[in-house]
Every structure is written in structure tokens, then in C-alpha cells.
PDB file of N, CA and C in Angstrom:
ATOM      1  N   UNK A   1       0.841  -1.188   0.000  1.00  0.00           N
ATOM      2  CA  UNK A   1       0.000   0.000   0.000  1.00  0.00           C
ATOM      3  C   UNK A   1       0.877   1.239   0.000  1.00  0.00           C
ATOM      4  N   UNK A   2       0.478   2.236  -0.685  1.00  0.00           N
ATOM      5  CA  UNK A   2       1.259   3.465  -0.815  1.00  0.00           C
ATOM      6  C   UNK A   2       1.133   4.328   0.432  1.00  0.00           C
ATOM      7  N   UNK A   3       2.214   5.043   0.750  1.00  0.00           N
ATOM      8  CA  UNK A   3       2.193   5.971   1.874  1.00  0.00           C
ATOM      9  C   UNK A   3       1.528   7.292   1.494  1.00  0.00           C
ATOM     10  N   UNK A   4       1.297   7.487   0.198  1.00  0.00           N
ATOM     11  CA  UNK A   4       0.696   8.717  -0.288  1.00  0.00           C
ATOM     12  C   UNK A   4      -0.804   8.685  -0.055  1.00  0.00           C
ATOM     13  N   UNK A   5      -1.325   9.739   0.537  1.00  0.00           N
ATOM     14  CA  UNK A   5      -2.752   9.812   0.802  1.00  0.00           C
ATOM     15  C   UNK A   5      -3.501  10.023  -0.505  1.00  0.00           C
ATOM     16  N   UNK A   6      -4.608   9.329  -0.684  1.00  0.00           N
ATOM     17  CA  UNK A   6      -5.419   9.458  -1.891  1.00  0.00           C
ATOM     18  C   UNK A   6      -6.167  10.791  -1.844  1.00  0.00           C
ATOM     19  N   UNK A   7      -5.837  11.737  -2.746  1.00  0.00           N
ATOM     20  CA  UNK A   7      -6.475  13.054  -2.719  1.00  0.00           C
ATOM     21  C   UNK A   7      -7.936  13.006  -3.167  1.00  0.00           C
ATOM     22  N   UNK A   8      -8.358  11.891  -3.729  1.00  0.00           N
ATOM     23  CA  UNK A   8      -9.738  11.773  -4.209  1.00  0.00           C
ATOM     24  C   UNK A   8     -10.632  11.017  -3.232  1.00  0.00           C
ATOM     25  N   UNK A   9     -10.103  10.640  -2.084  1.00  0.00           N
ATOM     26  CA  UNK A   9     -10.836   9.811  -1.137  1.00  0.00           C
ATOM     27  C   UNK A   9     -12.224  10.379  -0.800  1.00  0.00           C
ATOM     28  N   UNK A  10     -12.318  11.650  -0.542  1.00  0.00           N
ATOM     29  CA  UNK A  10     -13.594  12.267  -0.170  1.00  0.00           C
ATOM     30  C   UNK A  10     -14.046  13.293  -1.201  1.00  0.00           C
ATOM     31  N   UNK A  11     -13.619  13.106  -2.447  1.00  0.00           N
ATOM     32  CA  UNK A  11     -13.919  14.060  -3.506  1.00  0.00           C
ATOM     33  C   UNK A  11     -15.404  14.048  -3.868  1.00  0.00           C
ATOM     34  N   UNK A  12     -15.983  15.217  -3.910  1.00  0.00           N
ATOM     35  CA  UNK A  12     -17.369  15.378  -4.350  1.00  0.00           C
ATOM     36  C   UNK A  12     -17.320  16.205  -5.625  1.00  0.00           C
ATOM     37  N   UNK A  13     -17.733  15.620  -6.730  1.00  0.00           N
ATOM     38  CA  UNK A  13     -17.691  16.299  -8.027  1.00  0.00           C
ATOM     39  C   UNK A  13     -18.889  17.230  -8.146  1.00  0.00           C
ATOM     40  N   UNK A  14     -18.602  18.471  -8.489  1.00  0.00           N
ATOM     41  CA  UNK A  14     -19.654  19.447  -8.736  1.00  0.00           C
ATOM     42  C   UNK A  14     -19.418  20.044 -10.112  1.00  0.00           C
ATOM     43  N   UNK A  15     -20.367  20.753 -10.623  1.00  0.00           N
ATOM     44  CA  UNK A  15     -20.212  21.397 -11.914  1.00  0.00           C
ATOM     45  C   UNK A  15     -19.025  22.350 -11.855  1.00  0.00           C
ATOM     46  N   UNK A  16     -18.117  22.200 -12.817  1.00  0.00           N
ATOM     47  CA  UNK A  16     -16.942  23.061 -12.864  1.00  0.00           C
ATOM     48  C   UNK A  16     -15.829  22.639 -11.920  1.00  0.00           C
ATOM     49  N   UNK A  17     -15.917  21.438 -11.337  1.00  0.00           N
ATOM     50  CA  UNK A  17     -14.888  20.980 -10.400  1.00  0.00           C
ATOM     51  C   UNK A  17     -13.587  20.729 -11.129  1.00  0.00           C
ATOM     52  N   UNK A  18     -12.483  21.006 -10.454  1.00  0.00           N
ATOM     53  CA  UNK A  18     -11.152  20.782 -11.003  1.00  0.00           C
ATOM     54  C   UNK A  18     -10.381  19.932 -10.000  1.00  0.00           C
ATOM     55  N   UNK A  19      -9.757  18.855 -10.478  1.00  0.00           N
ATOM     56  CA  UNK A  19      -8.961  17.990  -9.607  1.00  0.00           C
ATOM     57  C   UNK A  19      -7.608  18.635  -9.353  1.00  0.00           C
ATOM     58  N   UNK A  20      -7.020  18.336  -8.226  1.00  0.00           N
ATOM     59  CA  UNK A  20      -5.700  18.853  -7.881  1.00  0.00           C
ATOM     60  C   UNK A  20      -4.648  18.276  -8.829  1.00  0.00           C
ATOM     61  N   UNK A  21      -3.631  19.044  -9.206  1.00  0.00           N
ATOM     62  CA  UNK A  21      -2.565  18.532 -10.056  1.00  0.00           C
ATOM     63  C   UNK A  21      -1.642  17.596  -9.287  1.00  0.00           C
ATOM     64  N   UNK A  22      -0.862  16.824 -10.026  1.00  0.00           N
ATOM     65  CA  UNK A  22       0.148  15.919  -9.470  1.00  0.00           C
ATOM     66  C   UNK A  22      -0.420  14.880  -8.507  1.00  0.00           C
ATOM     67  N   UNK A  23      -1.585  14.364  -8.813  1.00  0.00           N
ATOM     68  CA  UNK A  23      -2.183  13.363  -7.935  1.00  0.00           C
ATOM     69  C   UNK A  23      -1.949  11.943  -8.430  1.00  0.00           C
ATOM     70  N   UNK A  24      -1.253  11.779  -9.549  1.00  0.00           N
ATOM     71  CA  UNK A  24      -1.055  10.446 -10.096  1.00  0.00           C
ATOM     72  C   UNK A  24      -0.188   9.572  -9.191  1.00  0.00           C
ATOM     73  N   UNK A  25       0.638  10.156  -8.334  1.00  0.00           N
ATOM     74  CA  UNK A  25       1.477   9.359  -7.443  1.00  0.00           C
ATOM     75  C   UNK A  25       0.646   8.619  -6.399  1.00  0.00           C
ATOM     76  N   UNK A  26      -0.600   9.010  -6.205  1.00  0.00           N
ATOM     77  CA  UNK A  26      -1.459   8.327  -5.238  1.00  0.00           C
ATOM     78  C   UNK A  26      -2.208   7.167  -5.882  1.00  0.00           C
ATOM     79  N   UNK A  27      -2.147   7.063  -7.202  1.00  0.00           N
ATOM     80  CA  UNK A  27      -2.923   6.046  -7.917  1.00  0.00           C
ATOM     81  C   UNK A  27      -2.023   5.307  -8.903  1.00  0.00           C
ATOM     82  N   UNK A  28      -1.696   4.058  -8.601  1.00  0.00           N
ATOM     83  CA  UNK A  28      -0.875   3.274  -9.523  1.00  0.00           C
ATOM     84  C   UNK A  28      -1.699   2.966 -10.770  1.00  0.00           C
ATOM     85  N   UNK A  29      -1.199   3.391 -11.920  1.00  0.00           N
ATOM     86  CA  UNK A  29      -1.947   3.247 -13.171  1.00  0.00           C
ATOM     87  C   UNK A  29      -1.259   2.324 -14.166  1.00  0.00           C
ATOM     88  N   UNK A  30      -0.117   1.777 -13.810  1.00  0.00           N
ATOM     89  CA  UNK A  30       0.655   0.974 -14.746  1.00  0.00           C
ATOM     90  C   UNK A  30       0.054  -0.363 -15.105  1.00  0.00           C
ATOM     91  N   UNK A  31      -0.913  -0.844 -14.345  1.00  0.00           N
ATOM     92  CA  UNK A  31      -1.447  -2.186 -14.595  1.00  0.00           C
ATOM     93  C   UNK A  31      -2.257  -2.288 -15.887  1.00  0.00           C
ATOM     94  N   UNK A  32      -2.710  -1.188 -16.443  1.00  0.00           N
ATOM     95  CA  UNK A  32      -3.502  -1.262 -17.667  1.00  0.00           C
ATOM     96  C   UNK A  32      -2.751  -0.754 -18.890  1.00  0.00           C
ATOM     97  N   UNK A  33      -1.460  -0.621 -18.753  1.00  0.00           N
ATOM     98  CA  UNK A  33      -0.604  -0.155 -19.846  1.00  0.00           C
ATOM     99  C   UNK A  33      -0.462  -1.252 -20.913  1.00  0.00           C
ATOM    100  N   UNK A  34      -0.473  -0.876 -22.189  1.00  0.00           N
ATOM    101  CA  UNK A  34      -0.233  -1.813 -23.288  1.00  0.00           C
ATOM    102  C   UNK A  34       1.195  -1.717 -23.804  1.00  0.00           C
ATOM    103  N   UNK A  35       1.762  -0.505 -23.762  1.00  0.00           N
ATOM    104  CA  UNK A  35       3.136  -0.279 -24.210  1.00  0.00           C
ATOM    105  C   UNK A  35       3.939   0.283 -23.045  1.00  0.00           C
ATOM    106  N   UNK A  36       5.210  -0.087 -22.999  1.00  0.00           N
ATOM    107  CA  UNK A  36       6.068   0.459 -21.948  1.00  0.00           C
ATOM    108  C   UNK A  36       7.310   1.078 -22.572  1.00  0.00           C
ATOM    109  N   UNK A  37       7.855   2.125 -21.944  1.00  0.00           N
ATOM    110  CA  UNK A  37       9.064   2.747 -22.458  1.00  0.00           C
ATOM    111  C   UNK A  37      10.299   1.944 -22.056  1.00  0.00           C
ATOM    112  N   UNK A  38      11.179   1.755 -23.013  1.00  0.00           N
ATOM    113  CA  UNK A  38      12.463   1.099 -22.755  1.00  0.00           C
ATOM    114  C   UNK A  38      13.544   2.073 -23.211  1.00  0.00           C
ATOM    115  N   UNK A  39      14.473   2.379 -22.315  1.00  0.00           N
ATOM    116  CA  UNK A  39      15.515   3.366 -22.579  1.00  0.00           C
ATOM    117  C   UNK A  39      16.807   2.673 -23.006  1.00  0.00           C
ATOM    118  N   UNK A  40      17.423   3.196 -24.054  1.00  0.00           N
ATOM    119  CA  UNK A  40      18.756   2.764 -24.455  1.00  0.00           C
ATOM    120  C   UNK A  40      19.734   3.672 -23.702  1.00  0.00           C
ATOM    121  N   UNK A  41      20.397   3.176 -22.657  1.00  0.00           N
ATOM    122  CA  UNK A  41      21.271   4.023 -21.851  1.00  0.00           C
ATOM    123  C   UNK A  41      22.452   4.598 -22.628  1.00  0.00           C
ATOM    124  N   UNK A  42      22.835   3.951 -23.722  1.00  0.00           N
ATOM    125  CA  UNK A  42      23.947   4.455 -24.522  1.00  0.00           C
ATOM    126  C   UNK A  42      23.548   5.650 -25.379  1.00  0.00           C
ATOM    127  N   UNK A  43      22.254   5.781 -25.661  1.00  0.00           N
ATOM    128  CA  UNK A  43      21.757   6.865 -26.500  1.00  0.00           C
ATOM    129  C   UNK A  43      21.212   8.029 -25.674  1.00  0.00           C
ATOM    130  N   UNK A  44      20.777   7.751 -24.443  1.00  0.00           N
ATOM    131  CA  UNK A  44      20.215   8.785 -23.566  1.00  0.00           C
ATOM    132  C   UNK A  44      21.277   9.817 -23.217  1.00  0.00           C
ATOM    133  N   UNK A  45      20.938  11.088 -23.393  1.00  0.00           N
ATOM    134  CA  UNK A  45      21.865  12.175 -23.051  1.00  0.00           C
ATOM    135  C   UNK A  45      21.473  12.857 -21.739  1.00  0.00           C
ATOM    136  N   UNK A  46      20.515  12.282 -21.029  1.00  0.00           N
ATOM    137  CA  UNK A  46      20.058  12.765 -19.726  1.00  0.00           C
ATOM    138  C   UNK A  46      19.595  14.223 -19.795  1.00  0.00           C
ATOM    139  N   UNK A  47      18.846  14.538 -20.856  1.00  0.00           N
ATOM    140  CA  UNK A  47      18.362  15.910 -21.032  1.00  0.00           C
ATOM    141  C   UNK A  47      17.170  16.223 -20.124  1.00  0.00           C
ATOM    142  N   UNK A  48      16.436  15.186 -19.696  1.00  0.00           N
ATOM    143  CA  UNK A  48      15.310  15.386 -18.795  1.00  0.00           C
ATOM    144  C   UNK A  48      13.988  15.702 -19.471  1.00  0.00           C
ATOM    145  N   UNK A  49      13.947  15.672 -20.800  1.00  0.00           N
ATOM    146  CA  UNK A  49      12.680  15.958 -21.496  1.00  0.00           C
ATOM    147  C   UNK A  49      11.604  14.955 -21.100  1.00  0.00           C
ATOM    148  N   UNK A  50      11.975  13.684 -20.974  1.00  0.00           N
ATOM    149  CA  UNK A  50      10.992  12.664 -20.607  1.00  0.00           C
ATOM    150  C   UNK A  50      10.389  12.961 -19.234  1.00  0.00           C
ATOM    151  N   UNK A  51      11.222  13.374 -18.298  1.00  0.00           N
ATOM    152  CA  UNK A  51      10.745  13.704 -16.948  1.00  0.00           C
ATOM    153  C   UNK A  51       9.866  14.951 -16.980  1.00  0.00           C
ATOM    154  N   UNK A  52      10.255  15.928 -17.775  1.00  0.00           N
ATOM    155  CA  UNK A  52       9.502  17.178 -17.862  1.00  0.00           C
ATOM    156  C   UNK A  52       8.099  16.957 -18.417  1.00  0.00           C
ATOM    157  N   UNK A  53       7.987  16.135 -19.440  1.00  0.00           N
ATOM    158  CA  UNK A  53       6.704  15.968 -20.125  1.00  0.00           C
ATOM    159  C   UNK A  53       5.870  14.786 -19.640  1.00  0.00           C
ATOM    160  N   UNK A  54       6.418  13.918 -18.816  1.00  0.00           N
ATOM    161  CA  UNK A  54       5.660  12.753 -18.342  1.00  0.00           C
ATOM    162  C   UNK A  54       4.485  13.203 -17.476  1.00  0.00           C
ATOM    163  N   UNK A  55       3.250  12.901 -17.893  1.00  0.00           N
ATOM    164  CA  UNK A  55       2.089  13.335 -17.118  1.00  0.00           C
ATOM    165  C   UNK A  55       1.933  12.585 -15.793  1.00  0.00           C
ATOM    166  N   UNK A  56       2.664  11.495 -15.622  1.00  0.00           N
ATOM    167  CA  UNK A  56       2.522  10.685 -14.411  1.00  0.00           C
ATOM    168  C   UNK A  56       3.755  10.703 -13.521  1.00  0.00           C
ATOM    169  N   UNK A  57       4.711  11.551 -13.834  1.00  0.00           N
ATOM    170  CA  UNK A  57       5.950  11.651 -13.058  1.00  0.00           C
ATOM    171  C   UNK A  57       6.634  10.293 -12.924  1.00  0.00           C
ATOM    172  N   UNK A  58       6.582   9.492 -13.977  1.00  0.00           N
ATOM    173  CA  UNK A  58       7.165   8.151 -13.950  1.00  0.00           C
ATOM    174  C   UNK A  58       8.619   8.127 -14.392  1.00  0.00           C
ATOM    175  N   UNK A  59       9.085   9.136 -15.118  1.00  0.00           N
ATOM    176  CA  UNK A  59      10.467   9.182 -15.605  1.00  0.00           C
ATOM    177  C   UNK A  59      11.358   9.809 -14.549  1.00  0.00           C
ATOM    178  N   UNK A  60      12.423   9.105 -14.214  1.00  0.00           N
ATOM    179  CA  UNK A  60      13.352   9.587 -13.192  1.00  0.00           C
ATOM    180  C   UNK A  60      14.779   9.252 -13.588  1.00  0.00           C
ATOM    181  N   UNK A  61      15.745  10.130 -13.253  1.00  0.00           N
ATOM    182  CA  UNK A  61      17.144   9.800 -13.532  1.00  0.00           C
ATOM    183  C   UNK A  61      17.584   8.626 -12.657  1.00  0.00           C
ATOM    184  N   UNK A  62      18.411   7.757 -13.215  1.00  0.00           N
ATOM    185  CA  UNK A  62      18.940   6.623 -12.468  1.00  0.00           C
ATOM    186  C   UNK A  62      20.137   7.131 -11.665  1.00  0.00           C
ATOM    187  N   UNK A  63      20.071   6.972 -10.355  1.00  0.00           N
ATOM    188  CA  UNK A  63      21.123   7.497  -9.481  1.00  0.00           C
ATOM    189  C   UNK A  63      22.467   6.861  -9.796  1.00  0.00           C
ATOM    190  N   UNK A  64      23.464   7.703  -9.993  1.00  0.00           N
ATOM    191  CA  UNK A  64      24.808   7.228 -10.275  1.00  0.00           C
ATOM    192  C   UNK A  64      25.042   6.841 -11.730  1.00  0.00           C
ATOM    193  N   UNK A  65      24.033   7.008 -12.579  1.00  0.00           N
ATOM    194  CA  UNK A  65      24.139   6.667 -13.999  1.00  0.00           C
ATOM    195  C   UNK A  65      23.808   7.890 -14.833  1.00  0.00           C
ATOM    196  N   UNK A  66      24.041   7.796 -16.134  1.00  0.00           N
ATOM    197  CA  UNK A  66      23.765   8.913 -17.037  1.00  0.00           C
ATOM    198  C   UNK A  66      22.590   8.624 -17.955  1.00  0.00           C
ATOM    199  N   UNK A  67      21.505   8.106 -17.390  1.00  0.00           N
ATOM    200  CA  UNK A  67      20.303   7.876 -18.183  1.00  0.00           C
ATOM    201  C   UNK A  67      19.074   7.864 -17.277  1.00  0.00           C
ATOM    202  N   UNK A  68      17.920   7.857 -17.911  1.00  0.00           N
ATOM    203  CA  UNK A  68      16.645   7.857 -17.196  1.00  0.00           C
ATOM    204  C   UNK A  68      16.009   6.472 -17.262  1.00  0.00           C
ATOM    205  N   UNK A  69      15.138   6.195 -16.311  1.00  0.00           N
ATOM    206  CA  UNK A  69      14.353   4.967 -16.289  1.00  0.00           C
ATOM    207  C   UNK A  69      12.933   5.342 -15.876  1.00  0.00           C
ATOM    208  N   UNK A  70      12.039   4.372 -15.909  1.00  0.00           N
ATOM    209  CA  UNK A  70      10.628   4.651 -15.651  1.00  0.00           C
ATOM    210  C   UNK A  70      10.083   3.775 -14.542  1.00  0.00           C
ATOM    211  N   UNK A  71       9.302   4.388 -13.662  1.00  0.00           N
ATOM    212  CA  UNK A  71       8.604   3.650 -12.613  1.00  0.00           C
ATOM    213  C   UNK A  71       7.345   3.092 -13.259  1.00  0.00           C
ATOM    214  N   UNK A  72       7.380   1.811 -13.592  1.00  0.00           N
ATOM    215  CA  UNK A  72       6.287   1.208 -14.345  1.00  0.00           C
ATOM    216  C   UNK A  72       5.011   1.021 -13.525  1.00  0.00           C
ATOM    217  N   UNK A  73       5.079   1.252 -12.216  1.00  0.00           N
ATOM    218  CA  UNK A  73       3.848   1.237 -11.410  1.00  0.00           C
ATOM    219  C   UNK A  73       2.947   2.407 -11.795  1.00  0.00           C
ATOM    220  N   UNK A  74       3.556   3.487 -12.287  1.00  0.00           N
ATOM    221  CA  UNK A  74       2.794   4.701 -12.578  1.00  0.00           C
ATOM    222  C   UNK A  74       2.732   5.057 -14.056  1.00  0.00           C
ATOM    223  N   UNK A  75       3.593   4.477 -14.873  1.00  0.00           N
ATOM    224  CA  UNK A  75       3.604   4.771 -16.306  1.00  0.00           C
ATOM    225  C   UNK A  75       2.372   4.166 -16.976  1.00  0.00           C
ATOM    226  N   UNK A  76       1.630   5.007 -17.706  1.00  0.00           N
ATOM    227  CA  UNK A  76       0.439   4.530 -18.424  1.00  0.00           C
ATOM    228  C   UNK A  76       0.747   4.126 -19.855  1.00  0.00           C
ATOM    229  N   UNK A  77       1.976   4.342 -20.292  1.00  0.00           N
ATOM    230  CA  UNK A  77       2.358   3.935 -21.635  1.00  0.00           C
ATOM    231  C   UNK A  77       1.872   4.870 -22.722  1.00  0.00           C
ATOM    232  N   UNK A  78       1.727   6.138 -22.411  1.00  0.00           N
ATOM    233  CA  UNK A  78       1.191   7.097 -23.378  1.00  0.00           C
ATOM    234  C   UNK A  78       2.163   7.392 -24.515  1.00  0.00           C
ATOM    235  N   UNK A  79       3.476   7.245 -24.273  1.00  0.00           N
ATOM    236  CA  UNK A  79       4.472   7.454 -25.306  1.00  0.00           C
ATOM    237  C   UNK A  79       4.944   8.884 -25.474  1.00  0.00           C
ATOM    238  N   UNK A  80       4.481   9.790 -24.639  1.00  0.00           N
ATOM    239  CA  UNK A  80       4.934  11.181 -24.731  1.00  0.00           C
ATOM    240  C   UNK A  80       6.448  11.244 -24.575  1.00  0.00           C
ATOM    241  N   UNK A  81       6.995  10.461 -23.670  1.00  0.00           N
ATOM    242  CA  UNK A  81       8.437  10.463 -23.433  1.00  0.00           C
ATOM    243  C   UNK A  81       9.209  10.121 -24.706  1.00  0.00           C
ATOM    244  N   UNK A  82       8.754   9.124 -25.418  1.00  0.00           N
ATOM    245  CA  UNK A  82       9.421   8.724 -26.665  1.00  0.00           C
ATOM    246  C   UNK A  82       9.291   9.817 -27.722  1.00  0.00           C
ATOM    247  N   UNK A  83       8.154  10.478 -27.743  1.00  0.00           N
ATOM    248  CA  UNK A  83       7.928  11.544 -28.728  1.00  0.00           C
ATOM    249  C   UNK A  83       8.836  12.746 -28.493  1.00  0.00           C
ATOM    250  N   UNK A  84       9.106  13.077 -27.235  1.00  0.00           N
ATOM    251  CA  UNK A  84       9.903  14.276 -26.947  1.00  0.00           C
ATOM    252  C   UNK A  84      11.397  14.007 -26.829  1.00  0.00           C
ATOM    253  N   UNK A  85      11.812  12.750 -26.832  1.00  0.00           N
ATOM    254  CA  UNK A  85      13.226  12.413 -26.685  1.00  0.00           C
ATOM    255  C   UNK A  85      14.004  12.850 -27.936  1.00  0.00           C
ATOM    256  N   UNK A  86      14.960  13.777 -27.774  1.00  0.00           N
ATOM    257  CA  UNK A  86      15.676  14.299 -28.937  1.00  0.00           C
ATOM    258  C   UNK A  86      16.644  13.315 -29.583  1.00  0.00           C
ATOM    259  N   UNK A  87      17.002  12.232 -28.872  1.00  0.00           N
ATOM    260  CA  UNK A  87      17.949  11.261 -29.429  1.00  0.00           C
ATOM    261  C   UNK A  87      17.302   9.915 -29.737  1.00  0.00           C
ATOM    262  N   UNK A  88      15.978   9.849 -29.628  1.00  0.00           N
ATOM    263  CA  UNK A  88      15.244   8.593 -29.857  1.00  0.00           C
ATOM    264  C   UNK A  88      15.774   7.458 -28.976  1.00  0.00           C
ATOM    265  N   UNK A  89      16.127   7.787 -27.734  1.00  0.00           N
ATOM    266  CA  UNK A  89      16.650   6.791 -26.801  1.00  0.00           C
ATOM    267  C   UNK A  89      15.543   5.966 -26.164  1.00  0.00           C
ATOM    268  N   UNK A  90      14.286   6.369 -26.349  1.00  0.00           N
ATOM    269  CA  UNK A  90      13.162   5.677 -25.717  1.00  0.00           C
ATOM    270  C   UNK A  90      12.331   5.001 -26.795  1.00  0.00           C
ATOM    271  N   UNK A  91      12.144   3.711 -26.636  1.00  0.00           N
ATOM    272  CA  UNK A  91      11.313   2.932 -27.555  1.00  0.00           C
ATOM    273  C   UNK A  91      10.097   2.402 -26.781  1.00  0.00           C
ATOM    274  N   UNK A  92       8.940   2.542 -27.362  1.00  0.00           N
ATOM    275  CA  UNK A  92       7.731   2.004 -26.748  1.00  0.00           C
ATOM    276  C   UNK A  92       7.559   0.565 -27.240  1.00  0.00           C
ATOM    277  N   UNK A  93       7.567  -0.390 -26.317  1.00  0.00           N
ATOM    278  CA  UNK A  93       7.448  -1.793 -26.678  1.00  0.00           C
ATOM    279  C   UNK A  93       6.203  -2.388 -26.025  1.00  0.00           C
ATOM    280  N   UNK A  94       5.621  -3.357 -26.701  1.00  0.00           N
ATOM    281  CA  UNK A  94       4.398  -4.006 -26.215  1.00  0.00           C
ATOM    282  C   UNK A  94       4.680  -4.756 -24.916  1.00  0.00           C
ATOM    283  N   UNK A  95       3.770  -4.609 -23.970  1.00  0.00           N
ATOM    284  CA  UNK A  95       3.848  -5.356 -22.705  1.00  0.00           C
ATOM    285  C   UNK A  95       3.617  -6.831 -23.012  1.00  0.00           C
ATOM    286  N   UNK A  96       4.350  -7.673 -22.337  1.00  0.00           N
ATOM    287  CA  UNK A  96       4.152  -9.120 -22.505  1.00  0.00           C
ATOM    288  C   UNK A  96       3.332  -9.634 -21.347  1.00  0.00           C
ATOM    289  N   UNK A  97       2.458 -10.570 -21.646  1.00  0.00           N
ATOM    290  CA  UNK A  97       1.562 -11.124 -20.617  1.00  0.00           C
ATOM    291  C   UNK A  97       2.279 -11.970 -19.625  1.00  0.00           C
TER     292      UNK A  97
END
């Protein structure tokens, strides 16, 4: 179970309601992903574009290394990271059952 409190626990939707930003860390969404990002560490220049544009905050630099990796518990497989990568270091590959 996550230590992050669910911001939607007592949410009451009204007309014009807006959800709080950055709430994806409270909800693991990776289980319904069809494609996952795979990084080529030799091609990654650690520019951070994937982290900047990831709507789920799943892209993170690998500590002590010069490339990024993805927390697949939260990655929905949208492919934005691959689209914004200037060196094409990220490939979206089909999840295997």
C-alpha cells in the first residue's frame, strides 16, 4: 500500500470541479498499460525531457548513472516520453503477458 494519501478519497464532483494537479502518485496506473518505455542508456543524453513531459511523473534519472528509467507502477504507456526524446533513446514496446 502506498504511503501517499489518496487526494480523491472524499472528492465530491460538482459542476466546474477541477482535480488537484500531481495526484497520479497516489494512484498506480501501470497495470492497464499496453506499451512500456524502454531506454537505451547508450543513447540517452540525460536531457530530462521525458521527466519534464511525463504526465505521471514516472520518468526519473537513475542514481549514479547517465540515463533515465521509468517507474512502471505509474507509467500509463502514453508514449509522450518517446515523442519528446531528442535522441530517440526511448522505444515504446508491447507489454508481454
